[in-house]
Amino acid sequence: MTTALAPIDAIRAEMNRMNGEFLKALPQQIPVERFIRTAITAVQMNPYLMQADKRSLFAACMKAAQDGLLVDGREAALVKYGERIEYMPMVGGILKKLRQSGQLLSISAHVVYEKDAFEYELGDNERIVHKPALADRGRPIAAYAIAYTTDGGAYREVMSVADIESIRNLSRSGNNGPWKNHWSEMARKTVLRRLCKRLPSSTDIDSVLLADNEHYDLSKPAAQQEAPAQPRTSRLKAAIARKATPATPALEAITVDAEPSKEVSDGTADDADAE
């Protein structure tokens, strides 16, 4: 008589059975044992993932492996749409791919808060000066990304909260998942994605950005893409006009622990092409 395996044990057994397939998909620098262990941990920390279609779970893990990202909530996350699981690249994964391209000297993305000191200038000598407040930083008012390329180029992108919220409104899970629990990480990812449009392209980063596009509904009419007209947004827009300031929260590990939702997604559409 065969004893039925517990859900997590059944998932672990199937992951181990797929060892060879993961090994073929993963880049050499990621041991297959580590990838499988990270995926199982993600499922254990988010039990609702076990309630979804298992084939979609394994397929999502395989896509993450092919893109060379760990589903640890920092490089990538597993999110649930109805009965299906999909993998979502996170800000850590996008930064990782950009840095691995060999075309950048440095790249970073930060959130600005209303009590930070922030200056942003365009023109012949573009520049961003950001001095984060050490105590209460207030509400977020913007996000920015800066990249320096090996050929001497310097690229900067700044987005207001209203700009970021317009992208969030395209997300299939704008009110759930990472957007709800890790807004600052999603804001950093959104401005980073917009900056990517101007940076040297590579097959690896293009693949990751394409995967991220799947989490957005680009068919929404333009009116729905605008940030909601709320008093808070108005205050923040006034603050950024007055201070022009972004902030610098450190990249923290993220666990997507939101309740399952039919619209769980990220926030990095492509401005009609994902930010």
C-alpha atoms as a PDB file:
ATOM      1  CA  MET A   1       0.000   0.000   0.000  1.00  0.00           C
ATOM      2  CA  THR A   2       1.497   3.340  -1.072  1.00  0.00           C
ATOM      3  CA  THR A   3       1.493   6.246   1.359  1.00  0.00           C
ATOM      4  CA  ALA A   4       0.528   9.551  -0.229  1.00  0.00           C
ATOM      5  CA  LEU A   5       3.205  12.227   0.020  1.00  0.00           C
ATOM      6  CA  ALA A   6       2.530  15.527   1.771  1.00  0.00           C
ATOM      7  CA  PRO A   7       2.089  18.395  -0.757  1.00  0.00           C
ATOM      8  CA  ILE A   8       5.518  19.907  -0.132  1.00  0.00           C
ATOM      9  CA  ASP A   9       7.171  16.463  -0.259  1.00  0.00           C
ATOM     10  CA  ALA A  10       5.494  15.775  -3.593  1.00  0.00           C
ATOM     11  CA  ILE A  11       6.751  19.102  -4.926  1.00  0.00           C
ATOM     12  CA  ARG A  12      10.255  18.386  -3.603  1.00  0.00           C
ATOM     13  CA  ALA A  13      10.222  14.960  -5.271  1.00  0.00           C
ATOM     14  CA  GLU A  14       9.163  16.435  -8.617  1.00  0.00           C
ATOM     15  CA  MET A  15      11.771  19.213  -8.371  1.00  0.00           C
ATOM     16  CA  ASN A  16      14.473  16.615  -7.749  1.00  0.00           C
ATOM     17  CA  ARG A  17      13.189  14.549 -10.668  1.00  0.00           C
ATOM     18  CA  MET A  18      13.630  17.642 -12.866  1.00  0.00           C
ATOM     19  CA  ASN A  19      17.246  18.008 -11.711  1.00  0.00           C
ATOM     20  CA  GLY A  20      18.654  17.212 -15.151  1.00  0.00           C
ATOM     21  CA  GLU A  21      16.346  19.658 -16.927  1.00  0.00           C
ATOM     22  CA  PHE A  22      17.205  22.461 -14.506  1.00  0.00           C
ATOM     23  CA  LEU A  23      20.899  21.653 -14.896  1.00  0.00           C
ATOM     24  CA  LYS A  24      20.687  22.136 -18.669  1.00  0.00           C
ATOM     25  CA  ALA A  25      18.838  25.449 -18.298  1.00  0.00           C
ATOM     26  CA  LEU A  26      20.883  27.057 -15.515  1.00  0.00           C
ATOM     27  CA  PRO A  27      24.084  29.058 -16.079  1.00  0.00           C
ATOM     28  CA  GLN A  28      27.212  27.434 -14.659  1.00  0.00           C
ATOM     29  CA  GLN A  29      27.473  29.843 -11.735  1.00  0.00           C
ATOM     30  CA  ILE A  30      24.191  28.628 -10.199  1.00  0.00           C
ATOM     31  CA  PRO A  31      24.416  25.097  -8.747  1.00  0.00           C
ATOM     32  CA  VAL A  32      21.268  23.123  -9.515  1.00  0.00           C
ATOM     33  CA  GLU A  33      21.006  22.007  -5.874  1.00  0.00           C
ATOM     34  CA  ARG A  34      20.896  25.624  -4.756  1.00  0.00           C
ATOM     35  CA  PHE A  35      18.250  26.513  -7.343  1.00  0.00           C
ATOM     36  CA  ILE A  36      15.987  23.620  -6.292  1.00  0.00           C
ATOM     37  CA  ARG A  37      16.488  24.361  -2.593  1.00  0.00           C
ATOM     38  CA  THR A  38      15.568  28.019  -3.141  1.00  0.00           C
ATOM     39  CA  ALA A  39      12.436  27.109  -5.123  1.00  0.00           C
ATOM     40  CA  ILE A  40      11.249  24.666  -2.447  1.00  0.00           C
ATOM     41  CA  THR A  41      11.852  27.294   0.253  1.00  0.00           C
ATOM     42  CA  ALA A  42       9.779  29.803  -1.727  1.00  0.00           C
ATOM     43  CA  VAL A  43       6.875  27.342  -1.833  1.00  0.00           C
ATOM     44  CA  GLN A  44       7.194  26.542   1.863  1.00  0.00           C
ATOM     45  CA  MET A  45       7.137  30.226   2.786  1.00  0.00           C
ATOM     46  CA  ASN A  46       4.098  30.849   0.568  1.00  0.00           C
ATOM     47  CA  PRO A  47       1.777  27.858   1.142  1.00  0.00           C
ATOM     48  CA  TYR A  48      -0.857  29.210  -1.263  1.00  0.00           C
ATOM     49  CA  LEU A  49       1.526  28.284  -4.085  1.00  0.00           C
ATOM     50  CA  MET A  50       0.827  24.637  -3.294  1.00  0.00           C
ATOM     51  CA  GLN A  51      -2.853  25.197  -3.994  1.00  0.00           C
ATOM     52  CA  ALA A  52      -2.240  26.226  -7.596  1.00  0.00           C
ATOM     53  CA  ASP A  53      -1.726  24.183 -10.735  1.00  0.00           C
ATOM     54  CA  LYS A  54       1.512  22.231 -10.143  1.00  0.00           C
ATOM     55  CA  ARG A  55       2.440  22.160 -13.821  1.00  0.00           C
ATOM     56  CA  SER A  56       2.445  25.949 -13.913  1.00  0.00           C
ATOM     57  CA  LEU A  57       4.620  26.001 -10.781  1.00  0.00           C
ATOM     58  CA  PHE A  58       7.259  23.764 -12.346  1.00  0.00           C
ATOM     59  CA  ALA A  59       7.043  25.666 -15.648  1.00  0.00           C
ATOM     60  CA  ALA A  60       7.577  28.973 -13.817  1.00  0.00           C
ATOM     61  CA  CYS A  61      10.645  27.552 -12.072  1.00  0.00           C
ATOM     62  CA  MET A  62      11.997  26.350 -15.410  1.00  0.00           C
ATOM     63  CA  LYS A  63      11.584  29.807 -16.966  1.00  0.00           C
ATOM     64  CA  ALA A  64      13.446  31.353 -14.036  1.00  0.00           C
ATOM     65  CA  ALA A  65      16.228  28.790 -14.492  1.00  0.00           C
ATOM     66  CA  GLN A  66      16.474  29.600 -18.197  1.00  0.00           C
ATOM     67  CA  ASP A  67      16.881  33.289 -17.312  1.00  0.00           C
ATOM     68  CA  GLY A  68      19.462  32.411 -14.669  1.00  0.00           C
ATOM     69  CA  LEU A  69      17.496  33.833 -11.728  1.00  0.00           C
ATOM     70  CA  LEU A  70      16.811  32.341  -8.306  1.00  0.00           C
ATOM     71  CA  VAL A  71      13.176  32.476  -7.165  1.00  0.00           C
ATOM     72  CA  ASP A  72      14.259  33.835  -3.786  1.00  0.00           C
ATOM     73  CA  GLY A  73      12.016  36.912  -3.784  1.00  0.00           C
ATOM     74  CA  ARG A  74      14.996  39.101  -4.519  1.00  0.00           C
ATOM     75  CA  GLU A  75      16.132  38.054  -7.995  1.00  0.00           C
ATOM     76  CA  ALA A  76      12.729  36.642  -8.951  1.00  0.00           C
ATOM     77  CA  ALA A  77       9.463  35.668  -7.299  1.00  0.00           C
ATOM     78  CA  LEU A  78       6.692  33.138  -7.824  1.00  0.00           C
ATOM     79  CA  VAL A  79       3.268  34.779  -8.040  1.00  0.00           C
ATOM     80  CA  LYS A  80      -0.216  33.306  -8.361  1.00  0.00           C
ATOM     81  CA  TYR A  81      -2.887  34.322 -10.866  1.00  0.00           C
ATOM     82  CA  GLY A  82      -6.029  32.349 -10.212  1.00  0.00           C
ATOM     83  CA  GLU A  83      -4.893  28.728 -10.442  1.00  0.00           C
ATOM     84  CA  ARG A  84      -1.658  29.447 -12.274  1.00  0.00           C
ATOM     85  CA  ILE A  85       1.842  30.295 -11.033  1.00  0.00           C
ATOM     86  CA  GLU A  86       4.165  32.573 -12.982  1.00  0.00           C
ATOM     87  CA  TYR A  87       7.687  33.746 -12.308  1.00  0.00           C
ATOM     88  CA  MET A  88       8.336  37.470 -11.963  1.00  0.00           C
ATOM     89  CA  PRO A  89      11.800  39.053 -12.299  1.00  0.00           C
ATOM     90  CA  MET A  90      12.515  41.407  -9.396  1.00  0.00           C
ATOM     91  CA  VAL A  91      14.836  44.399  -9.120  1.00  0.00           C
ATOM     92  CA  GLY A  92      17.721  42.230  -7.876  1.00  0.00           C
ATOM     93  CA  GLY A  93      17.448  39.990 -10.927  1.00  0.00           C
ATOM     94  CA  ILE A  94      17.385  42.884 -13.381  1.00  0.00           C
ATOM     95  CA  LEU A  95      20.413  44.485 -11.706  1.00  0.00           C
ATOM     96  CA  LYS A  96      22.195  41.137 -11.761  1.00  0.00           C
ATOM     97  CA  LYS A  97      21.651  40.701 -15.492  1.00  0.00           C
ATOM     98  CA  LEU A  98      22.679  44.255 -16.276  1.00  0.00           C
ATOM     99  CA  ARG A  99      25.882  43.895 -14.272  1.00  0.00           C
ATOM    100  CA  GLN A 100      26.680  40.587 -15.947  1.00  0.00           C
ATOM    101  CA  SER A 101      26.430  42.172 -19.395  1.00  0.00           C
ATOM    102  CA  GLY A 102      29.959  43.564 -19.102  1.00  0.00           C
ATOM    103  CA  GLN A 103      28.803  46.860 -20.614  1.00  0.00           C
ATOM    104  CA  LEU A 104      28.322  48.796 -17.388  1.00  0.00           C
ATOM    105  CA  LEU A 105      30.741  50.237 -14.870  1.00  0.00           C
ATOM    106  CA  SER A 106      27.973  50.738 -12.336  1.00  0.00           C
ATOM    107  CA  ILE A 107      24.204  50.910 -12.030  1.00  0.00           C
ATOM    108  CA  SER A 108      21.883  51.699  -9.142  1.00  0.00           C
ATOM    109  CA  ALA A 109      18.273  52.618  -8.413  1.00  0.00           C
ATOM    110  CA  HIS A 110      16.820  54.383  -5.372  1.00  0.00           C
ATOM    111  CA  VAL A 111      13.599  55.813  -3.961  1.00  0.00           C
ATOM    112  CA  VAL A 112      13.376  59.456  -2.872  1.00  0.00           C
ATOM    113  CA  TYR A 113      11.366  60.530   0.166  1.00  0.00           C
ATOM    114  CA  GLU A 114       9.955  63.966   0.935  1.00  0.00           C
ATOM    115  CA  LYS A 115      12.424  64.715   3.752  1.00  0.00           C
ATOM    116  CA  ASP A 116      15.499  63.741   1.738  1.00  0.00           C
ATOM    117  CA  ALA A 117      17.621  66.405   0.086  1.00  0.00           C
ATOM    118  CA  PHE A 118      17.339  65.876  -3.652  1.00  0.00           C
ATOM    119  CA  GLU A 119      18.379  67.892  -6.706  1.00  0.00           C
ATOM    120  CA  TYR A 120      17.769  66.881 -10.296  1.00  0.00           C
ATOM    121  CA  GLU A 121      18.941  68.936 -13.256  1.00  0.00           C
ATOM    122  CA  LEU A 122      18.615  68.458 -17.004  1.00  0.00           C
ATOM    123  CA  GLY A 123      20.374  70.380 -19.741  1.00  0.00           C
ATOM    124  CA  ASP A 124      24.017  70.365 -20.829  1.00  0.00           C
ATOM    125  CA  ASN A 125      25.240  69.020 -17.487  1.00  0.00           C
ATOM    126  CA  GLU A 126      22.682  66.599 -16.140  1.00  0.00           C
ATOM    127  CA  ARG A 127      23.085  65.624 -12.521  1.00  0.00           C
ATOM    128  CA  ILE A 128      21.343  64.030  -9.562  1.00  0.00           C
ATOM    129  CA  VAL A 129      22.272  64.871  -5.972  1.00  0.00           C
ATOM    130  CA  HIS A 130      20.562  62.808  -3.294  1.00  0.00           C
ATOM    131  CA  LYS A 131      21.149  62.964   0.455  1.00  0.00           C
ATOM    132  CA  PRO A 132      18.751  60.619   2.276  1.00  0.00           C
ATOM    133  CA  ALA A 133      17.385  61.738   5.629  1.00  0.00           C
ATOM    134  CA  LEU A 134      18.674  59.520   8.429  1.00  0.00           C
ATOM    135  CA  ALA A 135      15.527  59.560  10.567  1.00  0.00           C
ATOM    136  CA  ASP A 136      11.890  59.821   9.471  1.00  0.00           C
ATOM    137  CA  ARG A 137      12.115  60.265   5.710  1.00  0.00           C
ATOM    138  CA  GLY A 138       8.428  60.895   5.093  1.00  0.00           C
ATOM    139  CA  ARG A 139       6.507  59.584   2.094  1.00  0.00           C
ATOM    140  CA  PRO A 140       8.033  58.532  -1.236  1.00  0.00           C
ATOM    141  CA  ILE A 141       7.953  61.222  -3.900  1.00  0.00           C
ATOM    142  CA  ALA A 142      10.093  59.773  -6.705  1.00  0.00           C
ATOM    143  CA  ALA A 143      12.521  57.082  -7.807  1.00  0.00           C
ATOM    144  CA  TYR A 144      15.640  57.323  -9.957  1.00  0.00           C
ATOM    145  CA  ALA A 145      18.252  55.132 -11.627  1.00  0.00           C
ATOM    146  CA  ILE A 146      21.793  55.953 -12.752  1.00  0.00           C
ATOM    147  CA  ALA A 147      24.085  53.895 -15.002  1.00  0.00           C
ATOM    148  CA  TYR A 148      27.639  54.439 -16.230  1.00  0.00           C
ATOM    149  CA  THR A 149      28.736  52.432 -19.259  1.00  0.00           C
ATOM    150  CA  THR A 150      32.200  51.178 -20.118  1.00  0.00           C
ATOM    151  CA  ASP A 151      32.351  53.512 -23.119  1.00  0.00           C
ATOM    152  CA  GLY A 152      32.059  56.574 -20.868  1.00  0.00           C
ATOM    153  CA  GLY A 153      28.310  57.112 -21.157  1.00  0.00           C
ATOM    154  CA  ALA A 154      26.196  58.292 -18.223  1.00  0.00           C
ATOM    155  CA  TYR A 155      22.451  57.616 -18.140  1.00  0.00           C
ATOM    156  CA  ARG A 156      19.895  58.915 -15.653  1.00  0.00           C
ATOM    157  CA  GLU A 157      16.162  58.410 -15.255  1.00  0.00           C
ATOM    158  CA  VAL A 158      13.807  60.018 -12.703  1.00  0.00           C
ATOM    159  CA  MET A 159      10.134  59.138 -12.207  1.00  0.00           C
ATOM    160  CA  SER A 160       7.610  60.805  -9.921  1.00  0.00           C
ATOM    161  CA  VAL A 161       5.217  58.770  -7.794  1.00  0.00           C
ATOM    162  CA  ALA A 162       2.477  59.599 -10.307  1.00  0.00           C
ATOM    163  CA  ASP A 163       4.638  58.159 -13.118  1.00  0.00           C
ATOM    164  CA  ILE A 164       5.247  54.995 -11.109  1.00  0.00           C
ATOM    165  CA  GLU A 165       1.591  54.622 -10.190  1.00  0.00           C
ATOM    166  CA  SER A 166       0.605  54.869 -13.849  1.00  0.00           C
ATOM    167  CA  ILE A 167       2.729  51.774 -14.486  1.00  0.00           C
ATOM    168  CA  ARG A 168       1.341  50.061 -11.403  1.00  0.00           C
ATOM    169  CA  ASN A 169      -2.146  50.550 -12.864  1.00  0.00           C
ATOM    170  CA  LEU A 170      -1.114  48.374 -15.814  1.00  0.00           C
ATOM    171  CA  SER A 171      -0.052  45.555 -13.520  1.00  0.00           C
ATOM    172  CA  ARG A 172      -2.207  42.464 -13.309  1.00  0.00           C
ATOM    173  CA  SER A 173      -1.708  42.618  -9.542  1.00  0.00           C
ATOM    174  CA  GLY A 174      -1.307  46.290  -8.845  1.00  0.00           C
ATOM    175  CA  ASN A 175      -3.158  45.971  -5.549  1.00  0.00           C
ATOM    176  CA  ASN A 176      -1.575  42.736  -4.426  1.00  0.00           C
ATOM    177  CA  GLY A 177       1.734  40.923  -4.121  1.00  0.00           C
ATOM    178  CA  PRO A 178       4.965  42.943  -4.395  1.00  0.00           C
ATOM    179  CA  TRP A 179       3.175  46.184  -5.283  1.00  0.00           C
ATOM    180  CA  LYS A 180       1.227  46.030  -2.046  1.00  0.00           C
ATOM    181  CA  ASN A 181       3.938  44.700   0.272  1.00  0.00           C
ATOM    182  CA  HIS A 182       7.161  45.991  -1.322  1.00  0.00           C
ATOM    183  CA  TRP A 183       6.256  49.230  -3.084  1.00  0.00           C
ATOM    184  CA  SER A 184       9.779  50.689  -2.867  1.00  0.00           C
ATOM    185  CA  GLU A 185      11.288  47.645  -4.577  1.00  0.00           C
ATOM    186  CA  MET A 186       8.716  47.819  -7.347  1.00  0.00           C
ATOM    187  CA  ALA A 187       9.331  51.567  -7.740  1.00  0.00           C
ATOM    188  CA  ARG A 188      13.065  50.927  -8.130  1.00  0.00           C
ATOM    189  CA  LYS A 189      12.384  48.203 -10.639  1.00  0.00           C
ATOM    190  CA  THR A 190      10.026  50.426 -12.628  1.00  0.00           C
ATOM    191  CA  VAL A 191      12.507  53.281 -13.033  1.00  0.00           C
ATOM    192  CA  LEU A 192      15.267  50.786 -13.762  1.00  0.00           C
ATOM    193  CA  ARG A 193      13.191  49.250 -16.537  1.00  0.00           C
ATOM    194  CA  ARG A 194      12.624  52.636 -18.113  1.00  0.00           C
ATOM    195  CA  LEU A 195      16.368  53.319 -17.990  1.00  0.00           C
ATOM    196  CA  CYS A 196      17.018  49.949 -19.673  1.00  0.00           C
ATOM    197  CA  LYS A 197      15.391  51.260 -22.848  1.00  0.00           C
ATOM    198  CA  ARG A 198      18.372  53.587 -23.290  1.00  0.00           C
ATOM    199  CA  LEU A 199      21.165  51.226 -22.231  1.00  0.00           C
ATOM    200  CA  PRO A 200      23.138  48.843 -24.473  1.00  0.00           C
ATOM    201  CA  SER A 201      20.988  45.777 -25.066  1.00  0.00           C
ATOM    202  CA  SER A 202      21.886  42.131 -24.512  1.00  0.00           C
ATOM    203  CA  THR A 203      20.022  38.876 -25.104  1.00  0.00           C
ATOM    204  CA  ASP A 204      20.016  38.014 -21.392  1.00  0.00           C
ATOM    205  CA  ILE A 205      18.477  41.244 -20.143  1.00  0.00           C
ATOM    206  CA  ASP A 206      16.013  41.365 -23.056  1.00  0.00           C
ATOM    207  CA  SER A 207      14.759  37.903 -22.080  1.00  0.00           C
ATOM    208  CA  VAL A 208      14.226  38.965 -18.463  1.00  0.00           C
ATOM    209  CA  LEU A 209      12.394  42.143 -19.466  1.00  0.00           C
ATOM    210  CA  LEU A 210      10.168  40.176 -21.830  1.00  0.00           C
ATOM    211  CA  ALA A 211       9.273  37.809 -19.000  1.00  0.00           C
ATOM    212  CA  ASP A 212       8.387  40.797 -16.855  1.00  0.00           C
ATOM    213  CA  ASN A 213       6.132  42.256 -19.544  1.00  0.00           C
ATOM    214  CA  GLU A 214       3.813  39.276 -19.150  1.00  0.00           C
ATOM    215  CA  HIS A 215       2.700  40.668 -15.793  1.00  0.00           C
ATOM    216  CA  TYR A 216       1.084  43.729 -17.369  1.00  0.00           C
ATOM    217  CA  ASP A 217      -2.148  44.354 -19.152  1.00  0.00           C
ATOM    218  CA  LEU A 218      -1.099  46.625 -21.996  1.00  0.00           C
ATOM    219  CA  SER A 219      -4.613  46.592 -23.442  1.00  0.00           C
ATOM    220  CA  LYS A 220      -5.928  48.984 -20.788  1.00  0.00           C
ATOM    221  CA  PRO A 221      -7.162  52.274 -22.259  1.00  0.00           C
ATOM    222  CA  ALA A 222      -4.980  55.320 -21.666  1.00  0.00           C
ATOM    223  CA  ALA A 223      -7.381  56.787 -19.111  1.00  0.00           C
ATOM    224  CA  GLN A 224      -6.807  53.811 -16.835  1.00  0.00           C
ATOM    225  CA  GLN A 225      -3.046  54.226 -17.052  1.00  0.00           C
ATOM    226  CA  GLU A 226      -3.071  57.592 -15.309  1.00  0.00           C
ATOM    227  CA  ALA A 227      -2.255  57.752 -11.602  1.00  0.00           C
ATOM    228  CA  PRO A 228      -5.400  58.070  -9.463  1.00  0.00           C
ATOM    229  CA  ALA A 229      -6.227  61.656  -8.547  1.00  0.00           C
ATOM    230  CA  GLN A 230      -5.946  61.425  -4.776  1.00  0.00           C
ATOM    231  CA  PRO A 231      -4.955  64.080  -2.258  1.00  0.00           C
ATOM    232  CA  ARG A 232      -1.824  62.119  -1.379  1.00  0.00           C
ATOM    233  CA  THR A 233      -0.631  62.019  -4.982  1.00  0.00           C
ATOM    234  CA  SER A 234      -1.223  65.741  -5.309  1.00  0.00           C
ATOM    235  CA  ARG A 235       0.783  66.423  -2.175  1.00  0.00           C
ATOM    236  CA  LEU A 236       3.636  64.236  -3.384  1.00  0.00           C
ATOM    237  CA  LYS A 237       3.683  65.892  -6.812  1.00  0.00           C
ATOM    238  CA  ALA A 238       3.832  69.251  -5.067  1.00  0.00           C
ATOM    239  CA  ALA A 239       6.656  67.984  -2.888  1.00  0.00           C
ATOM    240  CA  ILE A 240       8.742  66.757  -5.822  1.00  0.00           C
ATOM    241  CA  ALA A 241       8.185  70.010  -7.683  1.00  0.00           C
ATOM    242  CA  ARG A 242       9.352  71.864  -4.577  1.00  0.00           C
ATOM    243  CA  LYS A 243      12.302  69.643  -3.659  1.00  0.00           C
ATOM    244  CA  ALA A 244      13.047  67.371  -6.639  1.00  0.00           C
ATOM    245  CA  THR A 245      14.240  64.504  -4.312  1.00  0.00           C
ATOM    246  CA  PRO A 246      14.770  60.603  -4.513  1.00  0.00           C
ATOM    247  CA  ALA A 247      15.859  58.206  -1.693  1.00  0.00           C
ATOM    248  CA  THR A 248      18.183  55.262  -1.133  1.00  0.00           C
ATOM    249  CA  PRO A 249      16.703  52.241   0.594  1.00  0.00           C
ATOM    250  CA  ALA A 250      18.980  49.229   0.555  1.00  0.00           C
ATOM    251  CA  LEU A 251      18.007  46.245  -1.531  1.00  0.00           C
ATOM    252  CA  GLU A 252      16.403  43.822   0.845  1.00  0.00           C
ATOM    253  CA  ALA A 253      15.436  40.217   0.266  1.00  0.00           C
ATOM    254  CA  ILE A 254      11.751  40.020  -0.593  1.00  0.00           C
ATOM    255  CA  THR A 255       9.327  37.232  -0.002  1.00  0.00           C
ATOM    256  CA  VAL A 256       6.111  37.458  -1.967  1.00  0.00           C
ATOM    257  CA  ASP A 257       3.724  36.596   0.817  1.00  0.00           C
ATOM    258  CA  ALA A 258       0.588  38.322  -0.351  1.00  0.00           C
ATOM    259  CA  GLU A 259      -2.711  36.505  -0.390  1.00  0.00           C
ATOM    260  CA  PRO A 260      -3.343  34.678  -3.654  1.00  0.00           C
ATOM    261  CA  SER A 261      -5.151  36.776  -6.166  1.00  0.00           C
ATOM    262  CA  LYS A 262      -6.300  36.530  -9.723  1.00  0.00           C
ATOM    263  CA  GLU A 263      -4.383  39.685 -10.410  1.00  0.00           C
ATOM    264  CA  VAL A 264      -1.114  39.124  -8.601  1.00  0.00           C
ATOM    265  CA  SER A 265       1.710  40.704 -10.511  1.00  0.00           C
ATOM    266  CA  ASP A 266       4.501  43.107 -10.513  1.00  0.00           C
ATOM    267  CA  GLY A 267       4.821  46.636 -11.671  1.00  0.00           C
ATOM    268  CA  THR A 268       7.039  47.037 -14.570  1.00  0.00           C
ATOM    269  CA  ALA A 269       5.110  47.268 -17.733  1.00  0.00           C
ATOM    270  CA  ASP A 270       6.679  49.002 -20.628  1.00  0.00           C
ATOM    271  CA  ASP A 271       4.976  52.346 -20.670  1.00  0.00           C
ATOM    272  CA  ALA A 272       3.176  50.444 -23.341  1.00  0.00           C
ATOM    273  CA  ASP A 273       6.275  48.389 -23.365  1.00  0.00           C
ATOM    274  CA  ALA A 274       6.818  48.091 -19.609  1.00  0.00           C
ATOM    275  CA  GLU A 275       8.839  50.647 -17.661  1.00  0.00           C
END
